[in-house]
Amino acid sequence: MSNTLAQIETRLTDALAPMSLHIDDESAQHAGHAGARDGGGHYRVDIVSAAFTGKNTVTRHRLIYTALGDLMPRAIHALAIRASAPEEL
């Protein structure tokens, strides 16, 4: 597991106590891309957390961005998010 991937997992787990969390590193699919050349990776996050209950998509994404803090935009160039509350499964 890459250092950035581990940091994403740790920060999201600490901040949002997810019931499930899956992170894909898609950086290899974007080799040569301007952001990738500068060291930023491309990631896909699928997270289920009670913290999202009653919150809209924008608020859920803000919670994730806040948890990731300074990883955006240096270590993370692009982030695809699927954030769900447990009752939405």
N, C-alpha and C. Protein backbone atom coordinates (compact mmCIF):
# COMPACT_ATOMS: atom_id res chain seq x y z
N MET A 1 0.85 -1.18 0.00
CA MET A 1 0.00 0.00 0.00
C MET A 1 0.89 1.24 0.00
N SER A 2 0.58 2.17 -0.89
CA SER A 2 1.37 3.39 -0.97
C SER A 2 1.15 4.24 0.28
N ASN A 3 2.09 5.12 0.54
CA ASN A 3 2.00 6.01 1.69
C ASN A 3 0.74 6.88 1.61
N THR A 4 0.46 7.42 0.42
CA THR A 4 -0.73 8.27 0.27
C THR A 4 -1.99 7.47 0.50
N LEU A 5 -2.06 6.28 -0.04
CA LEU A 5 -3.23 5.42 0.14
C LEU A 5 -3.44 5.13 1.63
N ALA A 6 -2.38 4.83 2.34
CA ALA A 6 -2.47 4.58 3.78
C ALA A 6 -2.93 5.82 4.54
N GLN A 7 -2.45 6.98 4.13
CA GLN A 7 -2.86 8.23 4.78
C GLN A 7 -4.34 8.51 4.54
N ILE A 8 -4.80 8.27 3.32
CA ILE A 8 -6.22 8.46 3.01
C ILE A 8 -7.06 7.56 3.91
N GLU A 9 -6.68 6.29 3.99
CA GLU A 9 -7.43 5.32 4.80
C GLU A 9 -7.45 5.74 6.27
N THR A 10 -6.31 6.12 6.80
CA THR A 10 -6.22 6.51 8.21
C THR A 10 -7.06 7.75 8.50
N ARG A 11 -6.93 8.76 7.66
CA ARG A 11 -7.65 10.01 7.91
C ARG A 11 -9.16 9.84 7.81
N LEU A 12 -9.61 9.10 6.80
CA LEU A 12 -11.06 8.89 6.65
C LEU A 12 -11.60 8.02 7.78
N THR A 13 -10.84 7.03 8.19
CA THR A 13 -11.27 6.16 9.29
C THR A 13 -11.35 6.95 10.58
N ASP A 14 -10.34 7.76 10.87
CA ASP A 14 -10.33 8.56 12.10
C ASP A 14 -11.45 9.59 12.13
N ALA A 15 -11.72 10.23 11.00
CA ALA A 15 -12.69 11.32 10.96
C ALA A 15 -14.13 10.85 10.83
N LEU A 16 -14.35 9.75 10.11
CA LEU A 16 -15.72 9.38 9.75
C LEU A 16 -16.18 8.01 10.24
N ALA A 17 -15.30 7.26 10.90
CA ALA A 17 -15.65 5.93 11.44
C ALA A 17 -16.52 5.14 10.46
N PRO A 18 -16.02 4.89 9.26
CA PRO A 18 -16.85 4.23 8.25
C PRO A 18 -17.20 2.78 8.60
N MET A 19 -18.39 2.38 8.16
CA MET A 19 -18.80 0.98 8.25
C MET A 19 -18.05 0.18 7.19
N SER A 20 -17.82 0.84 6.06
CA SER A 20 -17.00 0.23 5.01
C SER A 20 -16.26 1.34 4.28
N LEU A 21 -15.08 0.98 3.81
CA LEU A 21 -14.22 1.92 3.10
C LEU A 21 -13.39 1.15 2.09
N HIS A 22 -13.49 1.56 0.84
CA HIS A 22 -12.69 0.95 -0.22
C HIS A 22 -12.04 2.09 -1.01
N ILE A 23 -10.73 1.99 -1.18
CA ILE A 23 -9.98 3.02 -1.90
C ILE A 23 -9.20 2.36 -3.03
N ASP A 24 -9.37 2.88 -4.23
CA ASP A 24 -8.61 2.41 -5.39
C ASP A 24 -7.62 3.48 -5.80
N ASP A 25 -6.39 3.07 -6.05
CA ASP A 25 -5.38 3.97 -6.60
C ASP A 25 -5.40 3.79 -8.11
N GLU A 26 -5.91 4.80 -8.81
CA GLU A 26 -6.03 4.74 -10.27
C GLU A 26 -4.94 5.57 -10.95
N SER A 27 -3.90 5.89 -10.24
CA SER A 27 -2.84 6.76 -10.75
C SER A 27 -2.19 6.22 -12.02
N ALA A 28 -1.99 4.92 -12.08
CA ALA A 28 -1.33 4.32 -13.24
C ALA A 28 -2.12 4.56 -14.53
N GLN A 29 -3.43 4.70 -14.40
CA GLN A 29 -4.27 4.93 -15.57
C GLN A 29 -4.15 6.35 -16.09
N HIS A 30 -3.49 7.21 -15.32
CA HIS A 30 -3.37 8.62 -15.69
C HIS A 30 -1.92 9.05 -15.85
N ALA A 31 -1.04 8.11 -16.11
CA ALA A 31 0.37 8.42 -16.29
C ALA A 31 0.54 9.44 -17.40
N GLY A 32 1.39 10.43 -17.16
CA GLY A 32 1.63 11.47 -18.15
C GLY A 32 0.72 12.66 -18.00
N HIS A 33 -0.36 12.52 -17.26
CA HIS A 33 -1.29 13.61 -17.00
C HIS A 33 -0.55 14.68 -16.19
N ALA A 34 -0.86 15.95 -16.41
CA ALA A 34 -0.15 17.05 -15.77
C ALA A 34 -0.09 16.89 -14.26
N GLY A 35 -1.19 16.58 -13.62
CA GLY A 35 -1.21 16.42 -12.18
C GLY A 35 -0.39 15.23 -11.73
N ALA A 36 -0.41 14.16 -12.51
CA ALA A 36 0.35 12.96 -12.17
C ALA A 36 1.85 13.22 -12.29
N ARG A 37 2.24 14.03 -13.26
CA ARG A 37 3.67 14.36 -13.42
C ARG A 37 4.20 15.11 -12.21
N ASP A 38 3.34 15.88 -11.56
CA ASP A 38 3.74 16.65 -10.39
C ASP A 38 3.66 15.82 -9.11
N GLY A 39 3.34 14.55 -9.22
CA GLY A 39 3.33 13.67 -8.07
C GLY A 39 1.97 13.41 -7.47
N GLY A 40 0.94 14.11 -7.90
CA GLY A 40 -0.40 13.89 -7.36
C GLY A 40 -1.04 12.66 -7.95
N GLY A 41 -1.68 11.86 -7.09
CA GLY A 41 -2.31 10.63 -7.55
C GLY A 41 -3.80 10.78 -7.81
N HIS A 42 -4.35 9.79 -8.48
CA HIS A 42 -5.77 9.72 -8.79
C HIS A 42 -6.36 8.57 -7.97
N TYR A 43 -7.38 8.87 -7.17
CA TYR A 43 -7.97 7.87 -6.27
C TYR A 43 -9.47 7.85 -6.40
N ARG A 44 -10.04 6.68 -6.08
CA ARG A 44 -11.49 6.49 -6.05
C ARG A 44 -11.83 5.96 -4.66
N VAL A 45 -12.77 6.63 -3.98
CA VAL A 45 -13.17 6.27 -2.63
C VAL A 45 -14.64 5.87 -2.62
N ASP A 46 -14.92 4.72 -2.04
CA ASP A 46 -16.28 4.27 -1.81
C ASP A 46 -16.41 4.09 -0.30
N ILE A 47 -17.20 4.95 0.34
CA ILE A 47 -17.27 4.97 1.80
C ILE A 47 -18.72 4.98 2.27
N VAL A 48 -18.97 4.20 3.32
CA VAL A 48 -20.29 4.16 3.96
C VAL A 48 -20.07 4.56 5.41
N SER A 49 -20.77 5.60 5.85
CA SER A 49 -20.60 6.09 7.21
C SER A 49 -21.90 6.69 7.74
N ALA A 50 -22.16 6.47 9.01
CA ALA A 50 -23.32 7.08 9.66
C ALA A 50 -23.18 8.60 9.69
N ALA A 51 -21.96 9.10 9.56
CA ALA A 51 -21.73 10.55 9.55
C ALA A 51 -22.42 11.23 8.36
N PHE A 52 -22.79 10.45 7.35
CA PHE A 52 -23.43 11.01 6.16
C PHE A 52 -24.96 11.04 6.25
N THR A 53 -25.51 10.43 7.28
CA THR A 53 -26.96 10.37 7.42
C THR A 53 -27.55 11.78 7.47
N GLY A 54 -28.54 12.02 6.62
CA GLY A 54 -29.22 13.30 6.57
C GLY A 54 -28.45 14.42 5.89
N LYS A 55 -27.30 14.10 5.31
CA LYS A 55 -26.48 15.12 4.65
C LYS A 55 -26.54 14.96 3.13
N ASN A 56 -26.50 16.08 2.43
CA ASN A 56 -26.51 16.02 0.97
C ASN A 56 -25.11 15.72 0.44
N THR A 57 -25.02 15.52 -0.86
CA THR A 57 -23.76 15.13 -1.49
C THR A 57 -22.65 16.15 -1.25
N VAL A 58 -22.95 17.42 -1.39
CA VAL A 58 -21.93 18.47 -1.21
C VAL A 58 -21.37 18.42 0.21
N THR A 59 -22.22 18.30 1.19
CA THR A 59 -21.78 18.24 2.58
C THR A 59 -20.94 17.00 2.84
N ARG A 60 -21.34 15.87 2.29
CA ARG A 60 -20.57 14.63 2.44
C ARG A 60 -19.17 14.80 1.86
N HIS A 61 -19.08 15.38 0.68
CA HIS A 61 -17.79 15.59 0.04
C HIS A 61 -16.93 16.55 0.86
N ARG A 62 -17.55 17.58 1.42
CA ARG A 62 -16.80 18.52 2.26
C ARG A 62 -16.21 17.83 3.49
N LEU A 63 -16.97 16.92 4.08
CA LEU A 63 -16.47 16.15 5.22
C LEU A 63 -15.23 15.35 4.83
N ILE A 64 -15.27 14.76 3.65
CA ILE A 64 -14.14 13.98 3.16
C ILE A 64 -12.95 14.88 2.87
N TYR A 65 -13.16 15.99 2.17
CA TYR A 65 -12.07 16.92 1.87
C TYR A 65 -11.44 17.47 3.15
N THR A 66 -12.27 17.76 4.15
CA THR A 66 -11.75 18.26 5.42
C THR A 66 -10.88 17.20 6.09
N ALA A 67 -11.33 15.96 6.07
CA ALA A 67 -10.56 14.87 6.67
C ALA A 67 -9.21 14.68 5.97
N LEU A 68 -9.20 14.87 4.66
CA LEU A 68 -7.96 14.66 3.90
C LEU A 68 -7.02 15.86 3.98
N GLY A 69 -7.56 17.02 4.32
CA GLY A 69 -6.76 18.21 4.58
C GLY A 69 -5.68 18.49 3.56
N ASP A 70 -4.45 18.53 4.01
CA ASP A 70 -3.31 18.94 3.18
C ASP A 70 -2.92 17.93 2.11
N LEU A 71 -3.55 16.76 2.08
CA LEU A 71 -3.26 15.82 0.99
C LEU A 71 -3.80 16.34 -0.35
N MET A 72 -4.82 17.22 -0.24
CA MET A 72 -5.39 17.84 -1.43
C MET A 72 -4.70 19.18 -1.65
N PRO A 73 -4.23 19.58 -2.75
CA PRO A 73 -4.16 18.86 -4.02
C PRO A 73 -2.78 18.28 -4.31
N ARG A 74 -1.87 18.28 -3.37
CA ARG A 74 -0.51 17.81 -3.67
C ARG A 74 -0.42 16.30 -3.85
N ALA A 75 -0.68 15.55 -2.78
CA ALA A 75 -0.59 14.09 -2.87
C ALA A 75 -1.77 13.50 -3.63
N ILE A 76 -2.91 14.19 -3.58
CA ILE A 76 -4.11 13.75 -4.30
C ILE A 76 -4.43 14.80 -5.35
N HIS A 77 -4.30 14.40 -6.60
CA HIS A 77 -4.63 15.31 -7.70
C HIS A 77 -6.11 15.22 -8.06
N ALA A 78 -6.64 13.99 -8.03
CA ALA A 78 -8.04 13.76 -8.40
C ALA A 78 -8.64 12.74 -7.45
N LEU A 79 -9.90 12.98 -7.06
CA LEU A 79 -10.57 12.09 -6.12
C LEU A 79 -12.02 11.89 -6.56
N ALA A 80 -12.36 10.66 -6.90
CA ALA A 80 -13.74 10.30 -7.21
C ALA A 80 -14.35 9.74 -5.94
N ILE A 81 -15.53 10.22 -5.58
CA ILE A 81 -16.13 9.86 -4.29
C ILE A 81 -17.52 9.27 -4.48
N ARG A 82 -17.76 8.17 -3.79
CA ARG A 82 -19.12 7.64 -3.61
C ARG A 82 -19.31 7.51 -2.11
N ALA A 83 -20.10 8.42 -1.54
CA ALA A 83 -20.30 8.48 -0.09
C ALA A 83 -21.76 8.18 0.22
N SER A 84 -21.97 7.16 1.03
CA SER A 84 -23.33 6.72 1.35
C SER A 84 -23.53 6.61 2.85
N ALA A 85 -24.78 6.81 3.26
CA ALA A 85 -25.17 6.54 4.63
C ALA A 85 -25.61 5.07 4.69
N PRO A 86 -25.50 4.44 5.85
CA PRO A 86 -25.84 3.00 5.96
C PRO A 86 -27.24 2.65 5.46
N GLU A 87 -28.21 3.52 5.71
CA GLU A 87 -29.59 3.21 5.32
C GLU A 87 -29.80 3.29 3.80
N GLU A 88 -28.81 3.77 3.08
CA GLU A 88 -28.92 3.88 1.61
C GLU A 88 -28.43 2.63 0.90
N LEU A 89 -27.94 1.67 1.63
CA LEU A 89 -27.42 0.45 0.99
C LEU A 89 -28.53 -0.49 0.61
